[in-house]
Amino acid sequence: MNMSVKSLRCVSRGWRCFSSRQGGAMNVFDRSMKRKQKEWASSLLDSGKYDYLRDEVASRVADRVYDVSRTFPLALDVGCGKSHIAEHLSKEVVERLFLTDVSDSSLRNRRACEIPTHCVVAEEEFLPFKENTFDLVLSSLSLHWINDLPGALRQIHHVLKPDGVFIGAMVGGETLYELRCSLQLAELEREGGFAPHISPYTAVTDLGNLLGQARFNMLTVDIDEVQVHYPGMLEVMSDLQGMGESNCAWNRKSLLQRDTMLAAAAIYKEMYGSEDGSVPATFQILYMIGWKPHDSQAKPAKRGSADVSFADLSGIDRLQTDHQKTNDKS
């Protein structure tokens, strides 16, 4: 299995408006089914062989923690799974860590780390902590299964102390486009229509606005594209199941006909297959950083307070040329 990563960094400035219902969470995912999927996946004897994507993303979340030059006395990992982030952190950076996950089995099978940890079985949408509790909140590859993502981000903001930081990663909208397209084409051909087999994901253009709505500031959004190569489409689907990442949308189709499955595998290989016979599966990972406001943080200057006009910038090249000529004469 081969894995490659492409990265793009962008700082959120003016994001398009996010169109969502105000006054009620959307009910897209069967959260009970997702808990069962995670319980089953974490109880597998060979569950560790399916952790490659979580480990990769968790290490990149930890890198962003180290980029913040401070020590965090108390941190929270929301939807921690088997505590993939904690093993990449040191107790000099995070002194104490709370781990929460909807799956009790995942918490019991958590990775060893040097940081003192406390485990709490809790939904990502309902955090059982008081306001202004944590200096740092982390989350890696769990928020894409949330029905009320705006509400979850507001809760994270609520439990953060002022000047605390949220660093997270979630799956983005272009994830598994190869699998989605192949299944849709096969179903159209064999059954005359198609049902959604890949869960809907958040677009990067919406993420900055969601963080802003939750009252985070100094926002940064990073995009990683992780491409993993498999022998075929069936191995892609098998690994997704082993990760606990099977579809849990309410409108999912419970069974896929054998003919459709074989046709989809052939389409996948024909459209996306590599010369060595493998097929790629693309995971778009959205990384986010947001700070809870505090008086000590840098603030933008007041509108109209600038003493230099942008119109003057056009004369910079001329001033540099004149300065160079003066130096040459002297």
C-alpha atoms as a PDB file:
ATOM      1  CA  MET A   1       0.000   0.000   0.000  1.00  0.00           C
ATOM      2  CA  ASN A   2       1.476   3.342  -1.028  1.00  0.00           C
ATOM      3  CA  MET A   3       0.501   6.754   0.301  1.00  0.00           C
ATOM      4  CA  SER A   4       1.348  10.209  -1.017  1.00  0.00           C
ATOM      5  CA  VAL A   5       0.459  13.662   0.239  1.00  0.00           C
ATOM      6  CA  LYS A   6      -0.135  16.946  -1.546  1.00  0.00           C
ATOM      7  CA  SER A   7      -0.486  20.088   0.563  1.00  0.00           C
ATOM      8  CA  LEU A   8      -2.006  23.519   0.107  1.00  0.00           C
ATOM      9  CA  ARG A   9      -2.107  26.186   2.816  1.00  0.00           C
ATOM     10  CA  CYS A  10      -4.455  29.123   2.841  1.00  0.00           C
ATOM     11  CA  VAL A  11      -5.397  31.676   5.477  1.00  0.00           C
ATOM     12  CA  SER A  12      -9.106  32.338   5.687  1.00  0.00           C
ATOM     13  CA  ARG A  13     -10.028  35.901   4.768  1.00  0.00           C
ATOM     14  CA  GLY A  14     -13.412  36.547   3.181  1.00  0.00           C
ATOM     15  CA  TRP A  15     -15.328  33.282   2.901  1.00  0.00           C
ATOM     16  CA  ARG A  16     -18.603  32.820   1.090  1.00  0.00           C
ATOM     17  CA  CYS A  17     -21.699  32.620   3.247  1.00  0.00           C
ATOM     18  CA  PHE A  18     -22.578  29.156   4.503  1.00  0.00           C
ATOM     19  CA  SER A  19     -26.176  28.289   3.763  1.00  0.00           C
ATOM     20  CA  SER A  20     -27.498  26.192   6.622  1.00  0.00           C
ATOM     21  CA  ARG A  21     -30.664  26.090   8.633  1.00  0.00           C
ATOM     22  CA  GLN A  22     -30.622  28.346  11.663  1.00  0.00           C
ATOM     23  CA  GLY A  23     -32.539  27.122  14.676  1.00  0.00           C
ATOM     24  CA  GLY A  24     -32.171  23.376  14.223  1.00  0.00           C
ATOM     25  CA  ALA A  25     -29.500  20.787  13.483  1.00  0.00           C
ATOM     26  CA  MET A  26     -29.670  18.743  10.306  1.00  0.00           C
ATOM     27  CA  ASN A  27     -30.181  15.034  10.908  1.00  0.00           C
ATOM     28  CA  VAL A  28     -28.024  13.432   8.215  1.00  0.00           C
ATOM     29  CA  PHE A  29     -26.164  10.682  10.097  1.00  0.00           C
ATOM     30  CA  ASP A  30     -27.348   7.755  12.195  1.00  0.00           C
ATOM     31  CA  ARG A  31     -25.133   8.365  15.236  1.00  0.00           C
ATOM     32  CA  SER A  32     -26.100   5.047  16.830  1.00  0.00           C
ATOM     33  CA  MET A  33     -24.910   3.217  13.708  1.00  0.00           C
ATOM     34  CA  LYS A  34     -21.640   5.183  13.708  1.00  0.00           C
ATOM     35  CA  ARG A  35     -21.013   4.194  17.340  1.00  0.00           C
ATOM     36  CA  LYS A  36     -21.608   0.513  16.456  1.00  0.00           C
ATOM     37  CA  GLN A  37     -19.259   0.770  13.464  1.00  0.00           C
ATOM     38  CA  LYS A  38     -16.497   2.257  15.619  1.00  0.00           C
ATOM     39  CA  GLU A  39     -17.035  -0.307  18.379  1.00  0.00           C
ATOM     40  CA  TRP A  40     -16.802  -3.157  15.866  1.00  0.00           C
ATOM     41  CA  ALA A  41     -13.718  -1.725  14.125  1.00  0.00           C
ATOM     42  CA  SER A  42     -11.791  -1.081  17.361  1.00  0.00           C
ATOM     43  CA  SER A  43     -12.534  -4.606  18.628  1.00  0.00           C
ATOM     44  CA  LEU A  44     -10.899  -6.317  15.615  1.00  0.00           C
ATOM     45  CA  LEU A  45      -7.804  -8.344  16.493  1.00  0.00           C
ATOM     46  CA  ASP A  46      -5.913  -6.727  13.610  1.00  0.00           C
ATOM     47  CA  SER A  47      -7.467  -3.271  13.981  1.00  0.00           C
ATOM     48  CA  GLY A  48      -4.019  -1.653  14.018  1.00  0.00           C
ATOM     49  CA  LYS A  49      -3.465  -2.368  10.325  1.00  0.00           C
ATOM     50  CA  TYR A  50      -6.338   0.001   9.462  1.00  0.00           C
ATOM     51  CA  ASP A  51      -4.930   2.931  11.461  1.00  0.00           C
ATOM     52  CA  TYR A  52      -2.516   4.217   8.787  1.00  0.00           C
ATOM     53  CA  LEU A  53      -4.673   7.191   7.741  1.00  0.00           C
ATOM     54  CA  ARG A  54      -5.570   8.197  11.304  1.00  0.00           C
ATOM     55  CA  ASP A  55      -1.912   7.950  12.347  1.00  0.00           C
ATOM     56  CA  GLU A  56      -0.769  10.100   9.419  1.00  0.00           C
ATOM     57  CA  VAL A  57      -3.365  12.810  10.022  1.00  0.00           C
ATOM     58  CA  ALA A  58      -2.836  12.729  13.812  1.00  0.00           C
ATOM     59  CA  SER A  59       0.895  13.319  13.374  1.00  0.00           C
ATOM     60  CA  ARG A  60       0.131  16.376  11.234  1.00  0.00           C
ATOM     61  CA  VAL A  61      -2.280  17.717  13.859  1.00  0.00           C
ATOM     62  CA  ALA A  62       0.480  17.241  16.461  1.00  0.00           C
ATOM     63  CA  ASP A  63       2.886  19.186  14.213  1.00  0.00           C
ATOM     64  CA  ARG A  64       0.498  22.133  14.359  1.00  0.00           C
ATOM     65  CA  VAL A  65       0.424  21.907  18.163  1.00  0.00           C
ATOM     66  CA  TYR A  66       4.225  22.162  18.230  1.00  0.00           C
ATOM     67  CA  ASP A  67       3.992  25.219  15.955  1.00  0.00           C
ATOM     68  CA  VAL A  68       2.286  27.068  18.834  1.00  0.00           C
ATOM     69  CA  SER A  69       5.129  28.101  21.120  1.00  0.00           C
ATOM     70  CA  ARG A  70       3.547  27.472  24.502  1.00  0.00           C
ATOM     71  CA  THR A  71       2.786  24.772  27.063  1.00  0.00           C
ATOM     72  CA  PHE A  72      -0.842  23.699  27.513  1.00  0.00           C
ATOM     73  CA  PRO A  73      -1.684  22.715  31.132  1.00  0.00           C
ATOM     74  CA  LEU A  74      -4.992  21.050  30.166  1.00  0.00           C
ATOM     75  CA  ALA A  75      -6.100  19.793  26.744  1.00  0.00           C
ATOM     76  CA  LEU A  76      -9.082  17.924  25.289  1.00  0.00           C
ATOM     77  CA  ASP A  77      -9.135  15.500  22.338  1.00  0.00           C
ATOM     78  CA  VAL A  78     -12.663  15.337  20.874  1.00  0.00           C
ATOM     79  CA  GLY A  79     -13.466  12.054  19.095  1.00  0.00           C
ATOM     80  CA  CYS A  80     -10.020  10.702  19.916  1.00  0.00           C
ATOM     81  CA  GLY A  81     -10.531   7.117  18.710  1.00  0.00           C
ATOM     82  CA  LYS A  82      -7.589   5.139  20.069  1.00  0.00           C
ATOM     83  CA  SER A  83      -5.771   8.360  21.030  1.00  0.00           C
ATOM     84  CA  HIS A  84      -3.833   8.744  17.813  1.00  0.00           C
ATOM     85  CA  ILE A  85      -2.769  12.355  18.478  1.00  0.00           C
ATOM     86  CA  ALA A  86      -1.500  11.875  22.042  1.00  0.00           C
ATOM     87  CA  GLU A  87       1.266   9.460  21.069  1.00  0.00           C
ATOM     88  CA  HIS A  88       2.832  12.236  18.967  1.00  0.00           C
ATOM     89  CA  LEU A  89       2.817  14.777  21.818  1.00  0.00           C
ATOM     90  CA  SER A  90       5.126  15.219  24.800  1.00  0.00           C
ATOM     91  CA  LYS A  91       4.231  16.143  28.377  1.00  0.00           C
ATOM     92  CA  GLU A  92       6.414  19.243  28.020  1.00  0.00           C
ATOM     93  CA  VAL A  93       3.840  20.589  25.534  1.00  0.00           C
ATOM     94  CA  VAL A  94       0.601  19.103  26.942  1.00  0.00           C
ATOM     95  CA  GLU A  95       0.687  18.490  30.685  1.00  0.00           C
ATOM     96  CA  ARG A  96      -2.692  16.755  31.047  1.00  0.00           C
ATOM     97  CA  LEU A  97      -5.146  15.422  28.444  1.00  0.00           C
ATOM     98  CA  PHE A  98      -8.835  14.481  28.470  1.00  0.00           C
ATOM     99  CA  LEU A  99      -9.868  11.931  25.827  1.00  0.00           C
ATOM    100  CA  THR A 100     -13.481  11.704  24.653  1.00  0.00           C
ATOM    101  CA  ASP A 101     -15.057   9.340  22.155  1.00  0.00           C
ATOM    102  CA  VAL A 102     -18.460   7.831  21.483  1.00  0.00           C
ATOM    103  CA  SER A 103     -16.868   4.349  21.437  1.00  0.00           C
ATOM    104  CA  ASP A 104     -15.971   2.826  24.789  1.00  0.00           C
ATOM    105  CA  SER A 105     -14.015   0.083  22.987  1.00  0.00           C
ATOM    106  CA  SER A 106     -11.799   2.678  21.279  1.00  0.00           C
ATOM    107  CA  LEU A 107     -10.962   4.295  24.616  1.00  0.00           C
ATOM    108  CA  ARG A 108     -10.158   0.921  26.214  1.00  0.00           C
ATOM    109  CA  ASN A 109      -7.818   0.103  23.305  1.00  0.00           C
ATOM    110  CA  ARG A 110      -6.131   3.522  23.282  1.00  0.00           C
ATOM    111  CA  ARG A 111      -2.441   3.946  22.492  1.00  0.00           C
ATOM    112  CA  ALA A 112       0.103   4.410  25.267  1.00  0.00           C
ATOM    113  CA  CYS A 113       1.540   7.911  25.712  1.00  0.00           C
ATOM    114  CA  GLU A 114       3.634   9.813  28.232  1.00  0.00           C
ATOM    115  CA  ILE A 115       0.908  12.394  28.998  1.00  0.00           C
ATOM    116  CA  PRO A 116      -1.444  11.753  31.990  1.00  0.00           C
ATOM    117  CA  THR A 117      -4.869  11.080  30.419  1.00  0.00           C
ATOM    118  CA  HIS A 118      -8.495  10.874  31.575  1.00  0.00           C
ATOM    119  CA  CYS A 119     -11.109   9.078  29.442  1.00  0.00           C
ATOM    120  CA  VAL A 120     -14.741  10.152  29.047  1.00  0.00           C
ATOM    121  CA  VAL A 121     -17.305   8.396  26.843  1.00  0.00           C
ATOM    122  CA  ALA A 122     -19.165  11.298  25.221  1.00  0.00           C
ATOM    123  CA  GLU A 123     -20.744  12.398  21.955  1.00  0.00           C
ATOM    124  CA  GLU A 124     -18.803  14.981  20.011  1.00  0.00           C
ATOM    125  CA  GLU A 125     -22.032  16.993  19.801  1.00  0.00           C
ATOM    126  CA  PHE A 126     -22.538  17.076  23.608  1.00  0.00           C
ATOM    127  CA  LEU A 127     -19.359  17.882  25.518  1.00  0.00           C
ATOM    128  CA  PRO A 128     -19.823  17.385  29.293  1.00  0.00           C
ATOM    129  CA  PHE A 129     -17.427  20.129  30.406  1.00  0.00           C
ATOM    130  CA  LYS A 130     -17.784  23.571  31.956  1.00  0.00           C
ATOM    131  CA  GLU A 131     -17.084  26.854  30.222  1.00  0.00           C
ATOM    132  CA  ASN A 132     -13.452  28.064  30.077  1.00  0.00           C
ATOM    133  CA  THR A 133     -11.960  24.686  31.066  1.00  0.00           C
ATOM    134  CA  PHE A 134      -9.297  23.817  28.469  1.00  0.00           C
ATOM    135  CA  ASP A 135      -6.234  25.599  27.104  1.00  0.00           C
ATOM    136  CA  LEU A 136      -6.234  23.457  23.954  1.00  0.00           C
ATOM    137  CA  VAL A 137      -8.885  21.404  22.130  1.00  0.00           C
ATOM    138  CA  LEU A 138      -7.900  18.864  19.461  1.00  0.00           C
ATOM    139  CA  SER A 139      -9.906  16.739  17.052  1.00  0.00           C
ATOM    140  CA  SER A 140      -8.789  14.411  14.273  1.00  0.00           C
ATOM    141  CA  LEU A 141     -11.067  12.688  11.734  1.00  0.00           C
ATOM    142  CA  SER A 142     -14.285  12.635  13.747  1.00  0.00           C
ATOM    143  CA  LEU A 143     -16.104  15.917  13.065  1.00  0.00           C
ATOM    144  CA  HIS A 144     -17.182  14.854   9.566  1.00  0.00           C
ATOM    145  CA  TRP A 145     -19.748  12.498  11.175  1.00  0.00           C
ATOM    146  CA  ILE A 146     -21.422  15.269  13.198  1.00  0.00           C
ATOM    147  CA  ASN A 147     -25.036  16.195  12.465  1.00  0.00           C
ATOM    148  CA  ASP A 148     -24.742  19.623  14.087  1.00  0.00           C
ATOM    149  CA  LEU A 149     -21.246  20.753  13.107  1.00  0.00           C
ATOM    150  CA  PRO A 150     -21.912  24.462  13.831  1.00  0.00           C
ATOM    151  CA  GLY A 151     -23.211  23.486  17.280  1.00  0.00           C
ATOM    152  CA  ALA A 152     -20.190  21.231  17.938  1.00  0.00           C
ATOM    153  CA  LEU A 153     -17.807  24.075  17.059  1.00  0.00           C
ATOM    154  CA  ARG A 154     -19.726  26.397  19.392  1.00  0.00           C
ATOM    155  CA  GLN A 155     -19.351  23.853  22.209  1.00  0.00           C
ATOM    156  CA  ILE A 156     -15.612  23.592  21.570  1.00  0.00           C
ATOM    157  CA  HIS A 157     -15.414  27.382  21.751  1.00  0.00           C
ATOM    158  CA  HIS A 158     -17.438  27.281  24.996  1.00  0.00           C
ATOM    159  CA  VAL A 159     -15.086  24.861  26.812  1.00  0.00           C
ATOM    160  CA  LEU A 160     -11.928  26.704  25.692  1.00  0.00           C
ATOM    161  CA  LYS A 161     -10.367  29.291  27.977  1.00  0.00           C
ATOM    162  CA  PRO A 162      -9.917  32.809  26.546  1.00  0.00           C
ATOM    163  CA  ASP A 163      -6.811  32.782  24.320  1.00  0.00           C
ATOM    164  CA  GLY A 164      -7.187  28.999  24.034  1.00  0.00           C
ATOM    165  CA  VAL A 165      -6.765  27.346  20.645  1.00  0.00           C
ATOM    166  CA  PHE A 166      -8.676  24.705  18.715  1.00  0.00           C
ATOM    167  CA  ILE A 167      -6.644  22.581  16.277  1.00  0.00           C
ATOM    168  CA  GLY A 168      -8.563  20.005  14.277  1.00  0.00           C
ATOM    169  CA  ALA A 169      -8.708  17.891  11.120  1.00  0.00           C
ATOM    170  CA  MET A 170     -11.683  16.505   9.257  1.00  0.00           C
ATOM    171  CA  VAL A 171     -12.435  14.853   5.940  1.00  0.00           C
ATOM    172  CA  GLY A 172     -13.250  17.288   3.110  1.00  0.00           C
ATOM    173  CA  GLY A 173     -15.729  17.267   0.242  1.00  0.00           C
ATOM    174  CA  GLU A 174     -13.451  15.787  -2.446  1.00  0.00           C
ATOM    175  CA  THR A 175     -12.717  12.642  -0.432  1.00  0.00           C
ATOM    176  CA  LEU A 176     -13.133   9.284  -2.226  1.00  0.00           C
ATOM    177  CA  TYR A 177     -14.360  10.894  -5.437  1.00  0.00           C
ATOM    178  CA  GLU A 178     -13.038   7.882  -7.380  1.00  0.00           C
ATOM    179  CA  LEU A 179     -15.194   5.452  -5.398  1.00  0.00           C
ATOM    180  CA  ARG A 180     -18.248   7.729  -5.504  1.00  0.00           C
ATOM    181  CA  CYS A 181     -18.083   8.180  -9.263  1.00  0.00           C
ATOM    182  CA  SER A 182     -17.486   4.484  -9.992  1.00  0.00           C
ATOM    183  CA  LEU A 183     -20.432   3.353  -7.859  1.00  0.00           C
ATOM    184  CA  GLN A 184     -22.766   5.929  -9.392  1.00  0.00           C
ATOM    185  CA  LEU A 185     -21.847   4.990 -12.955  1.00  0.00           C
ATOM    186  CA  ALA A 186     -22.224   1.269 -12.228  1.00  0.00           C
ATOM    187  CA  GLU A 187     -25.635   1.713 -10.605  1.00  0.00           C
ATOM    188  CA  LEU A 188     -26.871   3.891 -13.453  1.00  0.00           C
ATOM    189  CA  GLU A 189     -25.807   1.233 -15.938  1.00  0.00           C
ATOM    190  CA  ARG A 190     -27.094  -1.828 -14.043  1.00  0.00           C
ATOM    191  CA  GLU A 191     -30.052  -0.489 -12.066  1.00  0.00           C
ATOM    192  CA  GLY A 192     -31.148   2.666 -13.900  1.00  0.00           C
ATOM    193  CA  GLY A 193     -30.455   4.989 -10.953  1.00  0.00           C
ATOM    194  CA  PHE A 194     -28.111   5.432  -8.016  1.00  0.00           C
ATOM    195  CA  ALA A 195     -28.211   5.912  -4.261  1.00  0.00           C
ATOM    196  CA  PRO A 196     -25.595   7.715  -2.125  1.00  0.00           C
ATOM    197  CA  HIS A 197     -22.898   5.333  -0.882  1.00  0.00           C
ATOM    198  CA  ILE A 198     -20.359   7.943   0.247  1.00  0.00           C
ATOM    199  CA  SER A 199     -21.314  10.263   3.092  1.00  0.00           C
ATOM    200  CA  PRO A 200     -21.619  14.004   2.384  1.00  0.00           C
ATOM    201  CA  TYR A 201     -18.604  15.996   3.584  1.00  0.00           C
ATOM    202  CA  THR A 202     -17.929  19.652   4.391  1.00  0.00           C
ATOM    203  CA  ALA A 203     -16.430  21.869   1.669  1.00  0.00           C
ATOM    204  CA  VAL A 204     -13.325  23.899   2.454  1.00  0.00           C
ATOM    205  CA  THR A 205     -15.149  27.057   1.356  1.00  0.00           C
ATOM    206  CA  ASP A 206     -17.648  26.544   4.198  1.00  0.00           C
ATOM    207  CA  LEU A 207     -15.198  25.681   6.962  1.00  0.00           C
ATOM    208  CA  GLY A 208     -13.758  29.137   7.615  1.00  0.00           C
ATOM    209  CA  ASN A 209     -17.241  30.620   7.789  1.00  0.00           C
ATOM    210  CA  LEU A 210     -18.373  27.918  10.238  1.00  0.00           C
ATOM    211  CA  LEU A 211     -15.425  28.692  12.522  1.00  0.00           C
ATOM    212  CA  GLY A 212     -16.222  32.396  12.302  1.00  0.00           C
ATOM    213  CA  GLN A 213     -19.863  31.761  13.184  1.00  0.00           C
ATOM    214  CA  ALA A 214     -18.652  29.870  16.268  1.00  0.00           C
ATOM    215  CA  ARG A 215     -16.771  33.086  17.258  1.00  0.00           C
ATOM    216  CA  PHE A 216     -13.239  31.820  16.678  1.00  0.00           C
ATOM    217  CA  ASN A 217     -10.740  34.347  15.375  1.00  0.00           C
ATOM    218  CA  MET A 218      -7.249  34.308  13.780  1.00  0.00           C
ATOM    219  CA  LEU A 219      -8.408  31.432  11.599  1.00  0.00           C
ATOM    220  CA  THR A 220      -6.170  29.231   9.471  1.00  0.00           C
ATOM    221  CA  VAL A 221      -7.314  26.429   7.156  1.00  0.00           C
ATOM    222  CA  ASP A 222      -4.941  23.872   5.595  1.00  0.00           C
ATOM    223  CA  ILE A 223      -5.754  21.323   2.902  1.00  0.00           C
ATOM    224  CA  ASP A 224      -3.890  18.028   2.533  1.00  0.00           C
ATOM    225  CA  GLU A 225      -4.653  15.530  -0.200  1.00  0.00           C
ATOM    226  CA  VAL A 226      -3.623  12.041   0.872  1.00  0.00           C
ATOM    227  CA  GLN A 227      -3.686   9.417  -1.859  1.00  0.00           C
ATOM    228  CA  VAL A 228      -3.507   5.737  -0.907  1.00  0.00           C
ATOM    229  CA  HIS A 229      -3.034   2.974  -3.506  1.00  0.00           C
ATOM    230  CA  TYR A 230      -4.899  -0.334  -3.189  1.00  0.00           C
ATOM    231  CA  PRO A 231      -5.030  -3.551  -5.244  1.00  0.00           C
ATOM    232  CA  GLY A 232      -8.647  -2.809  -6.206  1.00  0.00           C
ATOM    233  CA  MET A 233     -11.952  -1.207  -5.245  1.00  0.00           C
ATOM    234  CA  LEU A 234     -13.004  -4.049  -2.949  1.00  0.00           C
ATOM    235  CA  GLU A 235      -9.876  -3.515  -0.849  1.00  0.00           C
ATOM    236  CA  VAL A 236     -10.733   0.190  -0.574  1.00  0.00           C
ATOM    237  CA  MET A 237     -14.168  -0.656   0.799  1.00  0.00           C
ATOM    238  CA  SER A 238     -12.782  -3.323   3.124  1.00  0.00           C
ATOM    239  CA  ASP A 239     -10.291  -0.881   4.644  1.00  0.00           C
ATOM    240  CA  LEU A 240     -12.969   1.779   5.109  1.00  0.00           C
ATOM    241  CA  GLN A 241     -14.992  -0.752   7.062  1.00  0.00           C
ATOM    242  CA  GLY A 242     -11.942  -1.671   9.145  1.00  0.00           C
ATOM    243  CA  MET A 243     -11.409   2.022   9.931  1.00  0.00           C
ATOM    244  CA  GLY A 244     -14.997   2.373  11.148  1.00  0.00           C
ATOM    245  CA  GLU A 245     -15.560   4.793   8.259  1.00  0.00           C
ATOM    246  CA  SER A 246     -18.461   3.063   6.497  1.00  0.00           C
ATOM    247  CA  ASN A 247     -21.386   5.234   5.457  1.00  0.00           C
ATOM    248  CA  CYS A 248     -23.891   5.921   8.254  1.00  0.00           C
ATOM    249  CA  ALA A 249     -26.172   8.430   6.515  1.00  0.00           C
ATOM    250  CA  TRP A 250     -29.867   7.765   7.064  1.00  0.00           C
ATOM    251  CA  ASN A 251     -30.476   7.605   3.301  1.00  0.00           C
ATOM    252  CA  ARG A 252     -27.724   5.039   2.673  1.00  0.00           C
ATOM    253  CA  LYS A 253     -28.518   1.950   0.609  1.00  0.00           C
ATOM    254  CA  SER A 254     -28.224  -1.139   2.797  1.00  0.00           C
ATOM    255  CA  LEU A 255     -27.206  -3.613   0.064  1.00  0.00           C
ATOM    256  CA  LEU A 256     -25.341  -3.374  -3.230  1.00  0.00           C
ATOM    257  CA  GLN A 257     -26.060  -5.957  -5.909  1.00  0.00           C
ATOM    258  CA  ARG A 258     -23.176  -8.238  -6.857  1.00  0.00           C
ATOM    259  CA  ASP A 259     -23.347  -7.286 -10.566  1.00  0.00           C
ATOM    260  CA  THR A 260     -23.226  -3.580  -9.636  1.00  0.00           C
ATOM    261  CA  MET A 261     -20.267  -4.165  -7.338  1.00  0.00           C
ATOM    262  CA  LEU A 262     -18.280  -5.981 -10.031  1.00  0.00           C
ATOM    263  CA  ALA A 263     -19.172  -3.347 -12.626  1.00  0.00           C
ATOM    264  CA  ALA A 264     -18.079  -0.568 -10.254  1.00  0.00           C
ATOM    265  CA  ALA A 265     -14.754  -2.315  -9.611  1.00  0.00           C
ATOM    266  CA  ALA A 266     -14.137  -2.577 -13.371  1.00  0.00           C
ATOM    267  CA  ILE A 267     -15.049   1.095 -13.919  1.00  0.00           C
ATOM    268  CA  TYR A 268     -12.800   2.144 -11.023  1.00  0.00           C
ATOM    269  CA  LYS A 269      -9.816   0.300 -12.510  1.00  0.00           C
ATOM    270  CA  GLU A 270     -10.500   1.546 -16.027  1.00  0.00           C
ATOM    271  CA  MET A 271     -10.941   5.215 -15.080  1.00  0.00           C
ATOM    272  CA  TYR A 272      -8.396   5.597 -12.290  1.00  0.00           C
ATOM    273  CA  GLY A 273      -6.108   2.554 -12.376  1.00  0.00           C
ATOM    274  CA  SER A 274      -2.331   2.980 -12.342  1.00  0.00           C
ATOM    275  CA  GLU A 275       0.138   1.272 -14.659  1.00  0.00           C
ATOM    276  CA  ASP A 276       1.134  -1.155 -11.892  1.00  0.00           C
ATOM    277  CA  GLY A 277      -2.483  -2.389 -11.584  1.00  0.00           C
ATOM    278  CA  SER A 278      -3.286  -0.559  -8.334  1.00  0.00           C
ATOM    279  CA  VAL A 279      -6.077   1.978  -7.887  1.00  0.00           C
ATOM    280  CA  PRO A 280      -5.868   5.249  -5.912  1.00  0.00           C
ATOM    281  CA  ALA A 281      -8.237   6.448  -3.211  1.00  0.00           C
ATOM    282  CA  THR A 282      -8.021  10.159  -2.441  1.00  0.00           C
ATOM    283  CA  PHE A 283      -8.672  11.573   1.024  1.00  0.00           C
ATOM    284  CA  GLN A 284      -8.983  15.353   1.226  1.00  0.00           C
ATOM    285  CA  ILE A 285      -8.101  16.423   4.768  1.00  0.00           C
ATOM    286  CA  LEU A 286      -9.103  19.860   6.053  1.00  0.00           C
ATOM    287  CA  TYR A 287      -7.004  21.175   8.934  1.00  0.00           C
ATOM    288  CA  MET A 288      -8.285  24.114  10.978  1.00  0.00           C
ATOM    289  CA  ILE A 289      -6.917  26.404  13.672  1.00  0.00           C
ATOM    290  CA  GLY A 290      -9.063  28.901  15.564  1.00  0.00           C
ATOM    291  CA  TRP A 291      -8.476  30.952  18.715  1.00  0.00           C
ATOM    292  CA  LYS A 292     -10.915  32.011  21.405  1.00  0.00           C
ATOM    293  CA  PRO A 293     -10.739  35.812  21.609  1.00  0.00           C
ATOM    294  CA  HIS A 294      -8.738  37.528  24.365  1.00  0.00           C
ATOM    295  CA  ASP A 295      -7.662  41.124  24.965  1.00  0.00           C
ATOM    296  CA  SER A 296      -3.984  40.186  24.588  1.00  0.00           C
ATOM    297  CA  GLN A 297      -4.419  39.055  20.982  1.00  0.00           C
ATOM    298  CA  ALA A 298      -3.402  41.249  18.055  1.00  0.00           C
ATOM    299  CA  LYS A 299      -6.300  43.189  16.561  1.00  0.00           C
ATOM    300  CA  PRO A 300      -6.700  44.795  13.125  1.00  0.00           C
ATOM    301  CA  ALA A 301      -6.228  48.572  12.925  1.00  0.00           C
ATOM    302  CA  LYS A 302      -9.337  50.727  12.767  1.00  0.00           C
ATOM    303  CA  ARG A 303     -10.762  51.400   9.328  1.00  0.00           C
ATOM    304  CA  GLY A 304      -9.309  54.612   7.874  1.00  0.00           C
ATOM    305  CA  SER A 305      -6.356  54.758  10.283  1.00  0.00           C
ATOM    306  CA  ALA A 306      -3.694  54.041   7.615  1.00  0.00           C
ATOM    307  CA  ASP A 307      -1.279  56.892   6.850  1.00  0.00           C
ATOM    308  CA  VAL A 308      -0.111  55.435   3.502  1.00  0.00           C
ATOM    309  CA  SER A 309      -2.296  55.048   0.424  1.00  0.00           C
ATOM    310  CA  PHE A 310      -2.218  51.996  -1.832  1.00  0.00           C
ATOM    311  CA  ALA A 311      -1.939  54.472  -4.711  1.00  0.00           C
ATOM    312  CA  ASP A 312       1.543  55.355  -3.468  1.00  0.00           C
ATOM    313  CA  LEU A 313       2.727  51.769  -3.960  1.00  0.00           C
ATOM    314  CA  SER A 314       2.989  52.313  -7.690  1.00  0.00           C
ATOM    315  CA  GLY A 315       5.915  54.686  -7.055  1.00  0.00           C
ATOM    316  CA  ILE A 316       8.044  52.214  -5.107  1.00  0.00           C
ATOM    317  CA  ASP A 317       9.915  50.924  -8.167  1.00  0.00           C
ATOM    318  CA  ARG A 318      10.718  54.508  -9.241  1.00  0.00           C
ATOM    319  CA  LEU A 319      11.998  55.406  -5.772  1.00  0.00           C
ATOM    320  CA  GLN A 320      14.212  52.307  -5.719  1.00  0.00           C
ATOM    321  CA  THR A 321      15.626  53.178  -9.164  1.00  0.00           C
ATOM    322  CA  ASP A 322      16.369  56.772  -8.094  1.00  0.00           C
ATOM    323  CA  HIS A 323      18.026  55.512  -4.909  1.00  0.00           C
ATOM    324  CA  GLN A 324      20.198  53.098  -6.910  1.00  0.00           C
ATOM    325  CA  LYS A 325      21.278  55.868  -9.314  1.00  0.00           C
ATOM    326  CA  THR A 326      22.255  58.074  -6.361  1.00  0.00           C
ATOM    327  CA  ASN A 327      24.362  55.279  -4.880  1.00  0.00           C
ATOM    328  CA  ASP A 328      26.045  54.643  -8.231  1.00  0.00           C
ATOM    329  CA  LYS A 329      27.062  58.316  -8.560  1.00  0.00           C
ATOM    330  CA  SER A 330      28.496  58.367  -5.069  1.00  0.00           C
END
